[in-house]
Amino acid sequence: MTYVVTENCIRCKFMDCVEVCPVDCFYEGDNMLVIHPDECIDCGVCEPECPAEAILPDTEEDAEKFLDLNREYSEIWPNITQKGEPPADSEEWDGKPNKYPEEFSSKPGGEG
């Protein structure tokens, strides 16, 4: 099992999860984070830290479809080890349905 960042992180990107990760397996995109599934040690400390409840074990139905996305983008986005500032409108996006793929950005984070 591994943990997976799911759709609700898109345009929320609160980043509370990043600082509690003991193995630094989070990677930053323009408007969401992902977890590298091969680096995750399944400790679960990130899951309760996410205000958007966007982190789930890959065994849950909603997480399974995001496992490949997490794997793909963790290979190309920059590693993040410290909490940054979430987008100014992150709270407005928290809980909105159907953000993927319309609101998803494949651009790496930390470039702006």
N, C-alpha and C. Protein backbone atom coordinates (compact mmCIF):
# COMPACT_ATOMS: atom_id res chain seq x y z
N MET A 1 0.83 -1.18 0.00
CA MET A 1 0.00 0.00 0.00
C MET A 1 0.88 1.25 0.00
N THR A 2 0.37 2.29 -0.62
CA THR A 2 1.01 3.59 -0.59
C THR A 2 -0.09 4.64 -0.46
N TYR A 3 0.29 5.83 -0.13
CA TYR A 3 -0.68 6.92 -0.08
C TYR A 3 -0.64 7.69 -1.38
N VAL A 4 -1.78 8.27 -1.75
CA VAL A 4 -1.96 8.91 -3.04
C VAL A 4 -2.64 10.25 -2.84
N VAL A 5 -2.17 11.26 -3.54
CA VAL A 5 -2.84 12.56 -3.55
C VAL A 5 -3.91 12.49 -4.63
N THR A 6 -5.12 12.88 -4.27
CA THR A 6 -6.25 12.75 -5.18
C THR A 6 -6.77 14.11 -5.65
N GLU A 7 -7.86 14.06 -6.37
CA GLU A 7 -8.42 15.22 -7.07
C GLU A 7 -8.63 16.47 -6.21
N ASN A 8 -9.00 16.30 -4.96
CA ASN A 8 -9.33 17.50 -4.18
C ASN A 8 -8.11 18.39 -3.90
N CYS A 9 -6.92 17.89 -4.10
CA CYS A 9 -5.74 18.74 -3.94
C CYS A 9 -5.63 19.78 -5.06
N ILE A 10 -6.21 19.48 -6.20
CA ILE A 10 -6.11 20.38 -7.35
C ILE A 10 -6.70 21.75 -6.98
N ARG A 11 -5.89 22.77 -7.14
CA ARG A 11 -6.20 24.17 -6.87
C ARG A 11 -6.38 24.48 -5.39
N CYS A 12 -6.19 23.46 -4.52
CA CYS A 12 -6.19 23.69 -3.07
C CYS A 12 -4.73 23.77 -2.61
N LYS A 13 -4.00 22.68 -2.79
CA LYS A 13 -2.56 22.61 -2.52
C LYS A 13 -2.18 23.28 -1.21
N PHE A 14 -2.79 22.81 -0.11
CA PHE A 14 -2.53 23.40 1.20
C PHE A 14 -1.12 23.12 1.73
N MET A 15 -0.55 21.99 1.44
CA MET A 15 0.82 21.61 1.76
C MET A 15 1.12 21.32 3.22
N ASP A 16 0.10 21.18 4.06
CA ASP A 16 0.33 20.82 5.46
C ASP A 16 1.00 19.44 5.57
N CYS A 17 0.76 18.60 4.59
CA CYS A 17 1.27 17.23 4.57
C CYS A 17 2.79 17.17 4.39
N VAL A 18 3.33 18.14 3.73
CA VAL A 18 4.74 18.09 3.31
C VAL A 18 5.70 18.02 4.49
N GLU A 19 5.49 18.85 5.49
CA GLU A 19 6.45 18.93 6.59
C GLU A 19 6.41 17.74 7.53
N VAL A 20 5.34 16.97 7.54
CA VAL A 20 5.27 15.80 8.43
C VAL A 20 5.82 14.54 7.79
N CYS A 21 6.07 14.56 6.49
CA CYS A 21 6.55 13.37 5.79
C CYS A 21 7.99 13.06 6.19
N PRO A 22 8.22 11.88 6.77
CA PRO A 22 9.58 11.55 7.21
C PRO A 22 10.53 11.17 6.08
N VAL A 23 10.02 10.93 4.88
CA VAL A 23 10.89 10.50 3.78
C VAL A 23 10.87 11.47 2.59
N ASP A 24 10.24 12.63 2.76
CA ASP A 24 10.23 13.66 1.71
C ASP A 24 9.80 13.12 0.35
N CYS A 25 8.64 12.48 0.30
CA CYS A 25 8.19 11.87 -0.95
C CYS A 25 7.12 12.69 -1.68
N PHE A 26 6.99 13.98 -1.33
CA PHE A 26 6.04 14.85 -2.01
C PHE A 26 6.73 15.63 -3.13
N TYR A 27 5.99 15.81 -4.20
CA TYR A 27 6.49 16.54 -5.37
C TYR A 27 5.45 17.58 -5.74
N GLU A 28 5.95 18.76 -6.17
CA GLU A 28 5.08 19.91 -6.35
C GLU A 28 4.80 20.24 -7.80
N GLY A 29 3.52 20.26 -8.10
CA GLY A 29 3.06 20.74 -9.38
C GLY A 29 2.57 22.17 -9.24
N ASP A 30 2.21 22.75 -10.33
CA ASP A 30 1.71 24.13 -10.36
C ASP A 30 0.51 24.32 -9.44
N ASN A 31 -0.43 23.35 -9.44
CA ASN A 31 -1.62 23.55 -8.62
C ASN A 31 -2.02 22.32 -7.80
N MET A 32 -1.11 21.37 -7.61
CA MET A 32 -1.35 20.24 -6.72
C MET A 32 -0.03 19.58 -6.35
N LEU A 33 -0.09 18.69 -5.39
CA LEU A 33 1.06 17.88 -4.99
C LEU A 33 0.80 16.43 -5.38
N VAL A 34 1.87 15.65 -5.47
CA VAL A 34 1.76 14.21 -5.66
C VAL A 34 2.75 13.51 -4.73
N ILE A 35 2.51 12.24 -4.50
CA ILE A 35 3.39 11.40 -3.68
C ILE A 35 4.06 10.39 -4.60
N HIS A 36 5.38 10.23 -4.45
CA HIS A 36 6.06 9.19 -5.21
C HIS A 36 5.74 7.85 -4.55
N PRO A 37 5.02 6.97 -5.24
CA PRO A 37 4.58 5.74 -4.60
C PRO A 37 5.69 4.78 -4.20
N ASP A 38 6.84 4.86 -4.84
CA ASP A 38 7.95 3.98 -4.48
C ASP A 38 8.76 4.52 -3.31
N GLU A 39 8.60 5.80 -3.00
CA GLU A 39 9.32 6.42 -1.88
C GLU A 39 8.48 6.44 -0.60
N CYS A 40 7.17 6.40 -0.76
CA CYS A 40 6.25 6.43 0.39
C CYS A 40 6.45 5.17 1.23
N ILE A 41 6.58 5.35 2.55
CA ILE A 41 6.78 4.20 3.43
C ILE A 41 5.48 3.80 4.13
N ASP A 42 4.37 4.33 3.66
CA ASP A 42 3.05 3.93 4.16
C ASP A 42 2.84 4.24 5.64
N CYS A 43 3.49 5.27 6.15
CA CYS A 43 3.35 5.59 7.57
C CYS A 43 2.01 6.25 7.88
N GLY A 44 1.45 6.96 6.91
CA GLY A 44 0.13 7.55 7.08
C GLY A 44 0.07 8.87 7.81
N VAL A 45 1.21 9.44 8.19
CA VAL A 45 1.15 10.69 8.95
C VAL A 45 0.64 11.87 8.12
N CYS A 46 0.75 11.78 6.81
CA CYS A 46 0.30 12.88 5.95
C CYS A 46 -1.22 12.95 5.82
N GLU A 47 -1.87 11.80 5.85
CA GLU A 47 -3.32 11.75 5.59
C GLU A 47 -4.13 12.65 6.52
N PRO A 48 -3.96 12.59 7.85
CA PRO A 48 -4.76 13.45 8.71
C PRO A 48 -4.36 14.93 8.67
N GLU A 49 -3.18 15.22 8.12
CA GLU A 49 -2.71 16.61 8.05
C GLU A 49 -3.33 17.39 6.90
N CYS A 50 -3.94 16.70 5.94
CA CYS A 50 -4.47 17.37 4.76
C CYS A 50 -5.85 17.96 5.05
N PRO A 51 -5.96 19.31 5.07
CA PRO A 51 -7.25 19.94 5.33
C PRO A 51 -8.29 19.63 4.26
N ALA A 52 -7.84 19.33 3.06
CA ALA A 52 -8.75 19.05 1.95
C ALA A 52 -9.13 17.57 1.87
N GLU A 53 -8.57 16.75 2.77
CA GLU A 53 -8.81 15.31 2.76
C GLU A 53 -8.55 14.70 1.39
N ALA A 54 -7.46 15.15 0.77
CA ALA A 54 -7.10 14.72 -0.58
C ALA A 54 -6.10 13.57 -0.61
N ILE A 55 -5.64 13.11 0.55
CA ILE A 55 -4.67 12.01 0.61
C ILE A 55 -5.37 10.77 1.11
N LEU A 56 -5.26 9.70 0.33
CA LEU A 56 -5.93 8.44 0.66
C LEU A 56 -4.98 7.28 0.43
N PRO A 57 -5.20 6.16 1.12
CA PRO A 57 -4.43 4.96 0.78
C PRO A 57 -4.84 4.49 -0.60
N ASP A 58 -3.91 3.93 -1.35
CA ASP A 58 -4.22 3.51 -2.72
C ASP A 58 -5.20 2.36 -2.78
N THR A 59 -5.53 1.78 -1.65
CA THR A 59 -6.51 0.70 -1.61
C THR A 59 -7.95 1.21 -1.67
N GLU A 60 -8.15 2.49 -1.47
CA GLU A 60 -9.49 3.06 -1.55
C GLU A 60 -9.86 3.33 -3.00
N GLU A 61 -11.10 3.13 -3.32
CA GLU A 61 -11.59 3.23 -4.69
C GLU A 61 -11.28 4.58 -5.33
N ASP A 62 -11.49 5.66 -4.62
CA ASP A 62 -11.25 7.00 -5.18
C ASP A 62 -9.77 7.27 -5.45
N ALA A 63 -8.89 6.57 -4.75
CA ALA A 63 -7.45 6.80 -4.89
C ALA A 63 -6.83 6.04 -6.05
N GLU A 64 -7.39 4.89 -6.36
CA GLU A 64 -6.79 4.01 -7.36
C GLU A 64 -6.53 4.71 -8.69
N LYS A 65 -7.47 5.52 -9.15
CA LYS A 65 -7.31 6.17 -10.45
C LYS A 65 -6.26 7.27 -10.44
N PHE A 66 -5.82 7.71 -9.24
CA PHE A 66 -4.79 8.74 -9.16
C PHE A 66 -3.40 8.19 -8.92
N LEU A 67 -3.29 6.89 -8.73
CA LEU A 67 -1.98 6.28 -8.49
C LEU A 67 -1.04 6.51 -9.67
N ASP A 68 -1.50 6.29 -10.89
CA ASP A 68 -0.65 6.50 -12.06
C ASP A 68 -0.27 7.97 -12.22
N LEU A 69 -1.19 8.87 -11.94
CA LEU A 69 -0.89 10.30 -12.03
C LEU A 69 0.20 10.67 -11.01
N ASN A 70 0.09 10.16 -9.77
CA ASN A 70 1.10 10.42 -8.75
C ASN A 70 2.45 9.89 -9.20
N ARG A 71 2.46 8.68 -9.74
CA ARG A 71 3.73 8.09 -10.19
C ARG A 71 4.35 8.92 -11.32
N GLU A 72 3.56 9.23 -12.32
CA GLU A 72 4.06 9.96 -13.49
C GLU A 72 4.65 11.32 -13.12
N TYR A 73 3.91 12.11 -12.35
CA TYR A 73 4.37 13.46 -12.08
C TYR A 73 5.42 13.54 -10.97
N SER A 74 5.49 12.54 -10.10
CA SER A 74 6.56 12.54 -9.10
C SER A 74 7.92 12.30 -9.75
N GLU A 75 7.91 11.78 -10.96
CA GLU A 75 9.15 11.57 -11.69
C GLU A 75 9.66 12.84 -12.39
N ILE A 76 8.78 13.83 -12.57
CA ILE A 76 9.20 15.02 -13.33
C ILE A 76 9.05 16.34 -12.56
N TRP A 77 8.21 16.37 -11.54
CA TRP A 77 8.05 17.60 -10.75
C TRP A 77 9.13 17.67 -9.68
N PRO A 78 9.43 18.88 -9.18
CA PRO A 78 10.45 19.02 -8.14
C PRO A 78 9.98 18.51 -6.78
N ASN A 79 10.91 17.94 -6.04
CA ASN A 79 10.64 17.49 -4.69
C ASN A 79 10.40 18.69 -3.79
N ILE A 80 9.47 18.56 -2.85
CA ILE A 80 9.16 19.65 -1.93
C ILE A 80 9.27 19.10 -0.51
N THR A 81 9.98 19.83 0.36
CA THR A 81 10.19 19.37 1.73
C THR A 81 9.70 20.36 2.77
N GLN A 82 9.29 21.55 2.33
CA GLN A 82 8.80 22.56 3.26
C GLN A 82 7.47 23.09 2.77
N LYS A 83 6.61 23.40 3.72
CA LYS A 83 5.30 23.94 3.40
C LYS A 83 5.46 25.31 2.77
N GLY A 84 4.77 25.52 1.68
CA GLY A 84 4.74 26.82 1.03
C GLY A 84 3.38 27.45 1.22
N GLU A 85 3.14 28.51 0.51
CA GLU A 85 1.85 29.20 0.57
C GLU A 85 0.88 28.55 -0.40
N PRO A 86 -0.31 28.21 0.08
CA PRO A 86 -1.31 27.67 -0.85
C PRO A 86 -1.83 28.78 -1.76
N PRO A 87 -2.48 28.44 -2.84
CA PRO A 87 -3.06 29.46 -3.71
C PRO A 87 -4.03 30.34 -2.93
N ALA A 88 -4.12 31.60 -3.30
CA ALA A 88 -4.97 32.55 -2.59
C ALA A 88 -6.44 32.12 -2.55
N ASP A 89 -6.88 31.41 -3.59
CA ASP A 89 -8.28 30.99 -3.65
C ASP A 89 -8.47 29.51 -3.30
N SER A 90 -7.52 28.94 -2.57
CA SER A 90 -7.56 27.50 -2.28
C SER A 90 -8.82 27.08 -1.52
N GLU A 91 -9.27 27.87 -0.59
CA GLU A 91 -10.45 27.48 0.18
C GLU A 91 -11.70 27.46 -0.68
N GLU A 92 -11.75 28.29 -1.70
CA GLU A 92 -12.90 28.30 -2.61
C GLU A 92 -12.98 27.01 -3.43
N TRP A 93 -11.82 26.38 -3.68
CA TRP A 93 -11.76 25.17 -4.50
C TRP A 93 -11.91 23.90 -3.67
N ASP A 94 -11.74 23.99 -2.37
CA ASP A 94 -11.82 22.82 -1.50
C ASP A 94 -13.22 22.19 -1.59
N GLY A 95 -13.26 20.93 -2.00
CA GLY A 95 -14.51 20.20 -2.07
C GLY A 95 -15.26 20.30 -3.39
N LYS A 96 -14.78 21.13 -4.31
CA LYS A 96 -15.47 21.23 -5.60
C LYS A 96 -15.25 19.93 -6.38
N PRO A 97 -16.29 19.40 -6.97
CA PRO A 97 -16.16 18.15 -7.73
C PRO A 97 -15.64 18.37 -9.14
N ASN A 98 -15.21 17.30 -9.74
CA ASN A 98 -14.83 17.27 -11.16
C ASN A 98 -13.73 18.27 -11.53
N LYS A 99 -12.71 18.35 -10.70
CA LYS A 99 -11.59 19.25 -11.00
C LYS A 99 -10.59 18.62 -11.96
N TYR A 100 -10.61 17.29 -12.02
CA TYR A 100 -9.70 16.59 -12.94
C TYR A 100 -10.51 16.08 -14.12
N PRO A 101 -10.07 16.33 -15.33
CA PRO A 101 -8.81 16.93 -15.76
C PRO A 101 -8.88 18.43 -16.04
N GLU A 102 -10.06 19.03 -15.97
CA GLU A 102 -10.23 20.42 -16.41
C GLU A 102 -9.32 21.41 -15.69
N GLU A 103 -9.17 21.28 -14.38
CA GLU A 103 -8.40 22.25 -13.61
C GLU A 103 -6.95 21.80 -13.34
N PHE A 104 -6.62 20.57 -13.68
CA PHE A 104 -5.29 20.04 -13.45
C PHE A 104 -4.26 20.72 -14.35
N SER A 105 -3.12 21.08 -13.77
CA SER A 105 -2.00 21.64 -14.53
C SER A 105 -0.83 20.67 -14.46
N SER A 106 -0.28 20.32 -15.61
CA SER A 106 0.88 19.42 -15.63
C SER A 106 2.21 20.16 -15.43
N LYS A 107 2.12 21.48 -15.30
CA LYS A 107 3.35 22.27 -15.09
C LYS A 107 3.94 22.00 -13.71
N PRO A 108 5.27 22.01 -13.60
CA PRO A 108 5.89 21.84 -12.29
C PRO A 108 5.65 23.05 -11.42
N GLY A 109 5.71 22.85 -10.12
CA GLY A 109 5.56 23.94 -9.17
C GLY A 109 6.88 24.65 -8.92
N GLY A 110 6.82 25.70 -8.15
CA GLY A 110 8.00 26.42 -7.76
C GLY A 110 8.62 27.28 -8.84
N GLU A 111 7.89 27.51 -9.91
CA GLU A 111 8.46 28.31 -11.00
C GLU A 111 7.91 29.73 -11.04
N GLY A 112 7.10 30.10 -10.06
CA GLY A 112 6.49 31.40 -10.15
C GLY A 112 6.69 32.25 -9.02
